[in-house]
Each structure stands twice: as C-alpha cells, then as structure tokens.
N, C-alpha and C. Protein backbone atom coordinates (compact mmCIF):
# COMPACT_ATOMS: atom_id res chain seq x y z
N MET A 1 52.85 -114.58 -57.45
CA MET A 1 53.01 -113.91 -58.87
C MET A 1 53.93 -112.59 -58.47
N LEU A 2 53.36 -111.65 -57.52
CA LEU A 2 54.08 -110.50 -57.00
C LEU A 2 55.56 -110.81 -56.78
N PHE A 3 55.61 -111.86 -55.94
CA PHE A 3 57.04 -112.01 -55.41
C PHE A 3 57.80 -112.63 -56.36
N ALA A 4 57.33 -113.17 -57.33
CA ALA A 4 58.51 -113.81 -58.57
C ALA A 4 58.68 -112.66 -59.18
N SER A 5 57.92 -111.54 -59.54
CA SER A 5 58.14 -110.25 -60.29
C SER A 5 59.23 -109.31 -59.47
N LEU A 6 59.09 -109.27 -58.09
CA LEU A 6 60.12 -108.64 -57.28
C LEU A 6 61.45 -109.08 -57.46
N THR A 7 61.34 -110.54 -57.39
CA THR A 7 62.68 -111.24 -57.53
C THR A 7 63.42 -111.03 -58.74
N LEU A 8 62.65 -111.11 -59.82
CA LEU A 8 63.16 -110.81 -61.31
C LEU A 8 63.77 -109.38 -61.17
N LEU A 9 63.01 -108.36 -60.67
CA LEU A 9 63.64 -107.08 -60.50
C LEU A 9 64.71 -106.75 -59.73
N CYS A 10 64.62 -107.46 -58.52
CA CYS A 10 65.78 -107.44 -57.70
C CYS A 10 67.23 -107.62 -58.20
N GLN A 11 67.36 -108.66 -58.95
CA GLN A 11 68.69 -109.24 -59.37
C GLN A 11 69.16 -108.06 -60.33
N PRO A 12 68.68 -107.58 -61.38
CA PRO A 12 69.30 -106.41 -62.15
C PRO A 12 69.50 -105.24 -61.11
N LEU A 13 68.78 -104.72 -60.20
CA LEU A 13 68.83 -103.79 -59.30
C LEU A 13 70.09 -103.97 -58.37
N SER A 14 70.29 -105.25 -58.08
CA SER A 14 71.48 -105.43 -57.16
C SER A 14 72.76 -105.43 -57.97
N PHE A 15 72.76 -105.96 -59.17
CA PHE A 15 73.96 -105.80 -60.07
C PHE A 15 74.38 -104.38 -60.37
N VAL A 16 73.24 -103.36 -60.62
CA VAL A 16 73.75 -102.07 -60.83
C VAL A 16 73.93 -101.55 -59.70
N ALA A 17 73.51 -101.80 -58.55
CA ALA A 17 74.15 -101.20 -57.33
C ALA A 17 75.48 -101.65 -56.92
N THR A 18 75.76 -102.84 -57.00
CA THR A 18 77.04 -103.29 -57.01
C THR A 18 78.03 -102.57 -57.79
N LYS A 19 77.90 -102.42 -59.12
CA LYS A 19 78.62 -101.52 -60.05
C LYS A 19 78.65 -100.18 -59.47
N TRP A 20 77.73 -99.53 -59.17
CA TRP A 20 77.61 -98.25 -58.76
C TRP A 20 78.81 -97.92 -57.60
N GLN A 21 78.51 -99.02 -56.53
CA GLN A 21 79.42 -98.86 -55.49
C GLN A 21 80.77 -98.95 -55.85
N LYS A 22 81.16 -99.71 -56.59
CA LYS A 22 82.48 -99.86 -57.08
C LYS A 22 83.01 -98.54 -57.79
N LEU A 23 82.20 -98.08 -58.67
CA LEU A 23 82.65 -96.84 -59.25
C LEU A 23 82.87 -95.68 -58.27
N VAL A 24 81.89 -95.74 -57.32
CA VAL A 24 81.97 -94.36 -56.38
C VAL A 24 83.24 -94.88 -55.67
N ARG A 25 83.61 -96.05 -55.17
CA ARG A 25 84.70 -96.32 -54.43
C ARG A 25 86.14 -95.94 -55.17
N ILE A 26 86.11 -96.26 -56.58
CA ILE A 26 87.22 -96.04 -57.51
C ILE A 26 87.31 -94.65 -57.35
N ALA A 27 86.25 -93.90 -57.77
CA ALA A 27 86.37 -92.43 -58.00
C ALA A 27 86.62 -91.62 -56.83
N GLY A 28 86.34 -92.02 -55.59
CA GLY A 28 86.52 -91.40 -54.33
C GLY A 28 87.96 -91.82 -53.71
N ASN A 29 88.94 -92.51 -54.43
CA ASN A 29 90.14 -92.79 -53.90
C ASN A 29 90.98 -91.65 -54.10
N PRO A 30 91.52 -91.34 -52.81
CA PRO A 30 92.17 -89.81 -52.71
C PRO A 30 93.69 -90.07 -53.22
N TYR A 31 94.18 -91.48 -53.39
CA TYR A 31 95.52 -91.55 -53.96
C TYR A 31 95.78 -90.86 -55.36
N ARG A 32 96.80 -90.04 -55.26
CA ARG A 32 97.02 -89.50 -56.66
C ARG A 32 98.54 -89.75 -56.82
N PRO A 33 99.04 -90.53 -57.76
CA PRO A 33 100.60 -90.92 -57.78
C PRO A 33 101.09 -89.67 -58.27
N GLU A 34 100.76 -88.83 -58.94
CA GLU A 34 101.75 -87.69 -59.43
C GLU A 34 101.96 -86.81 -58.39
N LEU A 35 101.41 -86.84 -57.27
CA LEU A 35 101.79 -86.27 -56.19
C LEU A 35 102.81 -86.97 -55.24
N HIS A 36 103.35 -88.08 -55.75
CA HIS A 36 104.24 -88.84 -54.77
C HIS A 36 105.39 -89.38 -55.81
N TYR A 37 105.67 -88.40 -56.74
CA TYR A 37 106.73 -88.81 -57.61
C TYR A 37 108.34 -88.78 -56.97
N MET A 38 109.21 -89.31 -57.31
CA MET A 38 110.68 -89.33 -56.87
C MET A 38 111.11 -87.94 -57.27
N ARG A 39 112.06 -87.44 -56.54
CA ARG A 39 112.63 -86.09 -56.78
C ARG A 39 114.00 -86.18 -57.16
N GLY A 40 114.63 -87.51 -57.16
CA GLY A 40 116.09 -87.60 -57.52
C GLY A 40 116.70 -88.48 -56.47
N PRO A 41 118.03 -88.66 -56.82
CA PRO A 41 118.73 -89.77 -55.96
C PRO A 41 118.77 -89.06 -54.47
N GLY A 42 118.80 -90.01 -53.52
CA GLY A 42 118.99 -89.54 -52.15
C GLY A 42 120.43 -89.60 -51.55
N PRO A 43 120.52 -89.43 -50.43
CA PRO A 43 122.02 -89.43 -49.72
C PRO A 43 122.58 -90.77 -49.88
N LYS A 44 121.80 -92.00 -49.70
CA LYS A 44 122.47 -93.34 -49.82
C LYS A 44 123.03 -93.60 -51.21
N TRP A 45 122.39 -92.95 -52.39
CA TRP A 45 122.78 -93.23 -53.79
C TRP A 45 124.14 -92.31 -53.90
N ARG A 46 124.03 -91.04 -53.39
CA ARG A 46 125.03 -90.19 -53.59
C ARG A 46 126.42 -90.56 -52.83
N ALA A 47 126.32 -91.35 -51.57
CA ALA A 47 127.35 -91.85 -50.76
C ALA A 47 127.93 -93.02 -51.74
N LYS A 48 127.18 -93.84 -52.11
CA LYS A 48 127.50 -94.94 -52.91
C LYS A 48 128.48 -94.54 -54.25
N HIS A 49 127.86 -93.63 -54.88
CA HIS A 49 128.37 -93.32 -56.23
C HIS A 49 129.54 -92.09 -55.95
N ARG A 50 129.63 -91.50 -54.76
CA ARG A 50 130.84 -90.69 -54.64
C ARG A 50 131.97 -91.31 -54.26
N ALA A 51 132.04 -92.43 -53.61
CA ALA A 51 133.07 -93.31 -53.43
C ALA A 51 133.90 -93.67 -54.80
N GLY A 52 133.33 -93.84 -55.88
CA GLY A 52 134.15 -94.02 -57.18
C GLY A 52 134.76 -92.88 -57.79
N ARG A 53 134.47 -91.77 -57.34
CA ARG A 53 135.01 -90.54 -58.03
C ARG A 53 136.19 -90.14 -57.57
N SER A 54 137.06 -89.57 -58.46
CA SER A 54 138.65 -89.20 -57.84
C SER A 54 138.68 -87.79 -57.63
N ASP A 55 137.68 -86.88 -58.31
CA ASP A 55 137.71 -85.51 -58.16
C ASP A 55 136.97 -84.75 -57.02
N GLY A 56 136.31 -85.61 -56.26
CA GLY A 56 135.56 -85.25 -55.01
C GLY A 56 134.40 -84.42 -55.30
N SER A 57 134.11 -84.11 -56.58
CA SER A 57 132.47 -83.47 -56.66
C SER A 57 131.50 -84.38 -56.85
N LEU A 58 130.38 -83.77 -56.65
CA LEU A 58 129.19 -84.65 -56.81
C LEU A 58 128.77 -84.89 -58.24
C-alpha cells in the first residue's frame, strides 16, 4: 500500500522536476543575441560594390 502511494506521488514530482530543470536551463543560457548584432557591411561587401562605382567614393 505504501509503495503504491509513493509511486503515484513520484510521477507528478518527476514531471515537475523535469519542467523545473528545463526552465532553469533556459533561464541560465548566457547567449544574448542583442550583443551580437551586425554593425554594417564588411570589407568584402565594400570591395564588391566599389567595383561598380565610377566616382571612386564609398
């Protein structure tokens, strides 16, 4: 009887523990995309598009 009660209690607790672990893993993720934004065209883009200009300016 006691074992059956513990088994019934263990299933919801393991479900909650799994969800809690997932939440902590997501919240603790150090990646922040706003810190890795693009700052503009690089040298390859400038070299490619400079070839089409006749006045020589960027």
